[in-house]
Amino acid sequence: MVSGVWRNKVFTRLAQQHRQFVRDLVMDLQALAIALENRGYLASCYTCGGEMNSASFMASLGEEHLIRFLVSDYGITWTEMRNDRELMKLEGAEAINQLQDLADLIKYQAPTPQKPNQEQRTNNETFLKPGLFANKKIPS
């Protein structure tokens, strides 16, 4: 039988690790928002308070194509929408994998000016198609 003291320390350690993971993810989301903006996309990352324990990340990838990523102590959610309609919603590790796919696409895409012209917007919209990041779509 395991003592209650051992269990409490294990769970305390796990809670601390989770808080650090969330802080790291928030910092990564802020960096991704900057990288997207530098390539001409509208993107933002808002945090609540100074402790970096939650964030709301949003990116517009073309006309009416929106990505929303929420992270907090309560969970992680990726939502992709087109024309105000939800295409897919993922949580946890699947949501983080989609975020990595977005980061990889941006990393390997040629940079565009801060304010893209119509031709560049069209190219970006073609490159970043809705549903491109997910293996599954939510049924209508």
C-alpha atoms as a PDB file:
ATOM      1  CA  MET A   1       0.000   0.000   0.000  1.00  0.00           C
ATOM      2  CA  VAL A   2       1.247   3.460  -0.916  1.00  0.00           C
ATOM      3  CA  SER A   3       1.236   6.162   1.749  1.00  0.00           C
ATOM      4  CA  GLY A   4      -0.961   9.239   1.353  1.00  0.00           C
ATOM      5  CA  VAL A   5       2.093  11.510   1.692  1.00  0.00           C
ATOM      6  CA  TRP A   6       3.709   9.951  -1.401  1.00  0.00           C
ATOM      7  CA  ARG A   7       0.551  10.404  -3.452  1.00  0.00           C
ATOM      8  CA  ASN A   8       0.168  14.054  -2.443  1.00  0.00           C
ATOM      9  CA  LYS A   9       3.715  14.883  -3.506  1.00  0.00           C
ATOM     10  CA  VAL A  10       3.265  13.103  -6.831  1.00  0.00           C
ATOM     11  CA  PHE A  11       0.072  15.000  -7.593  1.00  0.00           C
ATOM     12  CA  THR A  12       1.586  18.296  -6.490  1.00  0.00           C
ATOM     13  CA  ARG A  13       4.534  17.679  -8.803  1.00  0.00           C
ATOM     14  CA  LEU A  14       2.188  16.785 -11.677  1.00  0.00           C
ATOM     15  CA  ALA A  15       0.151  19.957 -11.090  1.00  0.00           C
ATOM     16  CA  GLN A  16       3.327  22.064 -11.181  1.00  0.00           C
ATOM     17  CA  GLN A  17       4.464  20.361 -14.397  1.00  0.00           C
ATOM     18  CA  HIS A  18       1.054  20.996 -15.965  1.00  0.00           C
ATOM     19  CA  ARG A  19       1.178  24.693 -15.045  1.00  0.00           C
ATOM     20  CA  GLN A  20       4.655  24.952 -16.605  1.00  0.00           C
ATOM     21  CA  PHE A  21       3.414  23.164 -19.739  1.00  0.00           C
ATOM     22  CA  VAL A  22       0.548  25.672 -20.063  1.00  0.00           C
ATOM     23  CA  ARG A  23       2.949  28.625 -19.614  1.00  0.00           C
ATOM     24  CA  ASP A  24       5.247  27.204 -22.314  1.00  0.00           C
ATOM     25  CA  LEU A  25       2.311  26.704 -24.664  1.00  0.00           C
ATOM     26  CA  VAL A  26       1.115  30.276 -24.076  1.00  0.00           C
ATOM     27  CA  MET A  27       4.570  31.625 -24.983  1.00  0.00           C
ATOM     28  CA  ASP A  28       4.605  29.468 -28.131  1.00  0.00           C
ATOM     29  CA  LEU A  29       1.173  30.792 -29.122  1.00  0.00           C
ATOM     30  CA  GLN A  30       2.399  34.366 -28.728  1.00  0.00           C
ATOM     31  CA  ALA A  31       5.380  33.606 -30.974  1.00  0.00           C
ATOM     32  CA  LEU A  32       3.144  31.934 -33.565  1.00  0.00           C
ATOM     33  CA  ALA A  33       0.840  34.970 -33.635  1.00  0.00           C
ATOM     34  CA  ILE A  34       3.855  37.197 -34.338  1.00  0.00           C
ATOM     35  CA  ALA A  35       5.101  34.844 -37.089  1.00  0.00           C
ATOM     36  CA  LEU A  36       1.665  34.846 -38.734  1.00  0.00           C
ATOM     37  CA  GLU A  37       1.443  38.634 -38.564  1.00  0.00           C
ATOM     38  CA  ASN A  38       4.904  38.899 -40.133  1.00  0.00           C
ATOM     39  CA  ARG A  39       3.584  36.865 -43.061  1.00  0.00           C
ATOM     40  CA  GLY A  40       0.586  39.121 -43.576  1.00  0.00           C
ATOM     41  CA  TYR A  41      -2.123  37.223 -41.673  1.00  0.00           C
ATOM     42  CA  LEU A  42      -4.359  38.683 -38.988  1.00  0.00           C
ATOM     43  CA  ALA A  43      -3.478  36.927 -35.743  1.00  0.00           C
ATOM     44  CA  SER A  44      -3.687  37.613 -32.023  1.00  0.00           C
ATOM     45  CA  CYS A  45      -2.866  35.954 -28.737  1.00  0.00           C
ATOM     46  CA  TYR A  46      -4.397  37.286 -25.529  1.00  0.00           C
ATOM     47  CA  THR A  47      -3.500  36.142 -22.043  1.00  0.00           C
ATOM     48  CA  CYS A  48      -5.349  36.609 -18.782  1.00  0.00           C
ATOM     49  CA  GLY A  49      -3.254  38.078 -15.997  1.00  0.00           C
ATOM     50  CA  GLY A  50       0.498  38.022 -15.678  1.00  0.00           C
ATOM     51  CA  GLU A  51       0.857  34.375 -14.754  1.00  0.00           C
ATOM     52  CA  MET A  52       0.517  33.072 -18.335  1.00  0.00           C
ATOM     53  CA  ASN A  53      -1.918  30.358 -17.199  1.00  0.00           C
ATOM     54  CA  SER A  54      -4.343  30.773 -20.107  1.00  0.00           C
ATOM     55  CA  ALA A  55      -4.500  32.207 -23.611  1.00  0.00           C
ATOM     56  CA  SER A  56      -6.843  32.784 -26.506  1.00  0.00           C
ATOM     57  CA  PHE A  57      -5.149  32.546 -29.911  1.00  0.00           C
ATOM     58  CA  MET A  58      -6.965  33.473 -33.112  1.00  0.00           C
ATOM     59  CA  ALA A  59      -5.785  33.619 -36.698  1.00  0.00           C
ATOM     60  CA  SER A  60      -7.564  34.553 -39.898  1.00  0.00           C
ATOM     61  CA  LEU A  61      -6.205  32.443 -42.753  1.00  0.00           C
ATOM     62  CA  GLY A  62      -8.205  33.989 -45.533  1.00  0.00           C
ATOM     63  CA  GLU A  63     -11.706  35.151 -46.269  1.00  0.00           C
ATOM     64  CA  GLU A  64     -14.001  33.872 -43.528  1.00  0.00           C
ATOM     65  CA  HIS A  65     -11.443  31.172 -42.494  1.00  0.00           C
ATOM     66  CA  LEU A  66     -10.652  31.356 -38.791  1.00  0.00           C
ATOM     67  CA  ILE A  67      -8.603  29.278 -36.372  1.00  0.00           C
ATOM     68  CA  ARG A  68      -9.186  29.565 -32.628  1.00  0.00           C
ATOM     69  CA  PHE A  69      -6.964  27.857 -30.068  1.00  0.00           C
ATOM     70  CA  LEU A  70      -7.744  28.113 -26.363  1.00  0.00           C
ATOM     71  CA  VAL A  71      -5.476  26.897 -23.581  1.00  0.00           C
ATOM     72  CA  SER A  72      -5.937  27.015 -19.812  1.00  0.00           C
ATOM     73  CA  ASP A  73      -5.617  24.855 -16.735  1.00  0.00           C
ATOM     74  CA  TYR A  74      -8.994  23.402 -17.732  1.00  0.00           C
ATOM     75  CA  GLY A  75      -8.114  22.209 -21.195  1.00  0.00           C
ATOM     76  CA  ILE A  76      -6.890  22.810 -24.718  1.00  0.00           C
ATOM     77  CA  THR A  77      -9.173  23.336 -27.718  1.00  0.00           C
ATOM     78  CA  TRP A  78      -8.591  23.886 -31.457  1.00  0.00           C
ATOM     79  CA  THR A  79     -11.552  25.139 -33.486  1.00  0.00           C
ATOM     80  CA  GLU A  80     -11.492  25.794 -37.220  1.00  0.00           C
ATOM     81  CA  MET A  81     -14.321  27.774 -38.817  1.00  0.00           C
ATOM     82  CA  ARG A  82     -15.316  28.926 -42.285  1.00  0.00           C
ATOM     83  CA  ASN A  83     -18.152  31.404 -42.899  1.00  0.00           C
ATOM     84  CA  ASP A  84     -19.031  31.361 -39.187  1.00  0.00           C
ATOM     85  CA  ARG A  85     -19.544  27.601 -39.371  1.00  0.00           C
ATOM     86  CA  GLU A  86     -17.480  25.205 -37.317  1.00  0.00           C
ATOM     87  CA  LEU A  87     -15.551  22.777 -39.514  1.00  0.00           C
ATOM     88  CA  MET A  88     -13.836  20.890 -36.726  1.00  0.00           C
ATOM     89  CA  LYS A  89     -13.093  21.002 -33.036  1.00  0.00           C
ATOM     90  CA  LEU A  90     -10.257  19.095 -31.400  1.00  0.00           C
ATOM     91  CA  GLU A  91      -9.075  18.870 -27.825  1.00  0.00           C
ATOM     92  CA  GLY A  92      -5.933  17.913 -25.936  1.00  0.00           C
ATOM     93  CA  ALA A  93      -3.077  16.269 -27.826  1.00  0.00           C
ATOM     94  CA  GLU A  94      -4.990  16.313 -31.145  1.00  0.00           C
ATOM     95  CA  ALA A  95      -5.414  20.079 -30.819  1.00  0.00           C
ATOM     96  CA  ILE A  96      -1.703  20.539 -30.142  1.00  0.00           C
ATOM     97  CA  ASN A  97      -0.846  18.398 -33.189  1.00  0.00           C
ATOM     98  CA  GLN A  98      -2.996  20.696 -35.353  1.00  0.00           C
ATOM     99  CA  LEU A  99      -1.189  23.701 -33.929  1.00  0.00           C
ATOM    100  CA  GLN A 100       2.134  22.084 -34.867  1.00  0.00           C
ATOM    101  CA  ASP A 101       0.863  21.476 -38.400  1.00  0.00           C
ATOM    102  CA  LEU A 102      -0.061  25.167 -38.672  1.00  0.00           C
ATOM    103  CA  ALA A 103       3.348  26.207 -37.325  1.00  0.00           C
ATOM    104  CA  ASP A 104       5.102  23.903 -39.816  1.00  0.00           C
ATOM    105  CA  LEU A 105       3.106  25.319 -42.742  1.00  0.00           C
ATOM    106  CA  ILE A 106       3.989  28.860 -41.737  1.00  0.00           C
ATOM    107  CA  LYS A 107       7.630  27.930 -41.139  1.00  0.00           C
ATOM    108  CA  TYR A 108       8.068  26.576 -44.663  1.00  0.00           C
ATOM    109  CA  GLN A 109       5.934  29.188 -46.447  1.00  0.00           C
ATOM    110  CA  ALA A 110       7.771  32.081 -48.092  1.00  0.00           C
ATOM    111  CA  PRO A 111       7.290  35.303 -46.075  1.00  0.00           C
ATOM    112  CA  THR A 112       4.871  37.906 -47.416  1.00  0.00           C
ATOM    113  CA  PRO A 113       4.816  41.647 -46.707  1.00  0.00           C
ATOM    114  CA  GLN A 114       3.054  42.937 -43.581  1.00  0.00           C
ATOM    115  CA  LYS A 115       0.073  44.095 -45.667  1.00  0.00           C
ATOM    116  CA  PRO A 116      -0.404  41.606 -48.509  1.00  0.00           C
ATOM    117  CA  ASN A 117      -1.960  42.757 -51.747  1.00  0.00           C
ATOM    118  CA  GLN A 118      -4.918  40.931 -53.321  1.00  0.00           C
ATOM    119  CA  GLU A 119      -2.691  38.497 -55.263  1.00  0.00           C
ATOM    120  CA  GLN A 120      -0.756  37.526 -52.118  1.00  0.00           C
ATOM    121  CA  ARG A 121      -3.982  37.073 -50.125  1.00  0.00           C
ATOM    122  CA  THR A 122      -5.268  34.751 -52.836  1.00  0.00           C
ATOM    123  CA  ASN A 123      -2.019  32.745 -52.742  1.00  0.00           C
ATOM    124  CA  ASN A 124      -2.185  32.477 -48.946  1.00  0.00           C
ATOM    125  CA  GLU A 125      -5.803  31.388 -49.057  1.00  0.00           C
ATOM    126  CA  THR A 126      -4.924  28.704 -51.594  1.00  0.00           C
ATOM    127  CA  PHE A 127      -1.967  27.508 -49.532  1.00  0.00           C
ATOM    128  CA  LEU A 128      -3.896  27.381 -46.256  1.00  0.00           C
ATOM    129  CA  LYS A 129      -7.126  25.651 -47.165  1.00  0.00           C
ATOM    130  CA  PRO A 130      -9.883  25.033 -44.587  1.00  0.00           C
ATOM    131  CA  GLY A 131      -9.675  21.637 -42.987  1.00  0.00           C
ATOM    132  CA  LEU A 132      -6.093  21.240 -44.157  1.00  0.00           C
ATOM    133  CA  PHE A 133      -4.911  20.786 -40.587  1.00  0.00           C
ATOM    134  CA  ALA A 134      -7.235  18.017 -39.488  1.00  0.00           C
ATOM    135  CA  ASN A 135      -7.613  14.340 -40.150  1.00  0.00           C
ATOM    136  CA  LYS A 136     -11.261  14.435 -39.109  1.00  0.00           C
ATOM    137  CA  LYS A 137     -14.136  16.816 -39.690  1.00  0.00           C
ATOM    138  CA  ILE A 138     -17.066  17.310 -37.371  1.00  0.00           C
ATOM    139  CA  PRO A 139     -20.281  15.982 -38.884  1.00  0.00           C
ATOM    140  CA  SER A 140     -22.852  18.676 -39.696  1.00  0.00           C
END
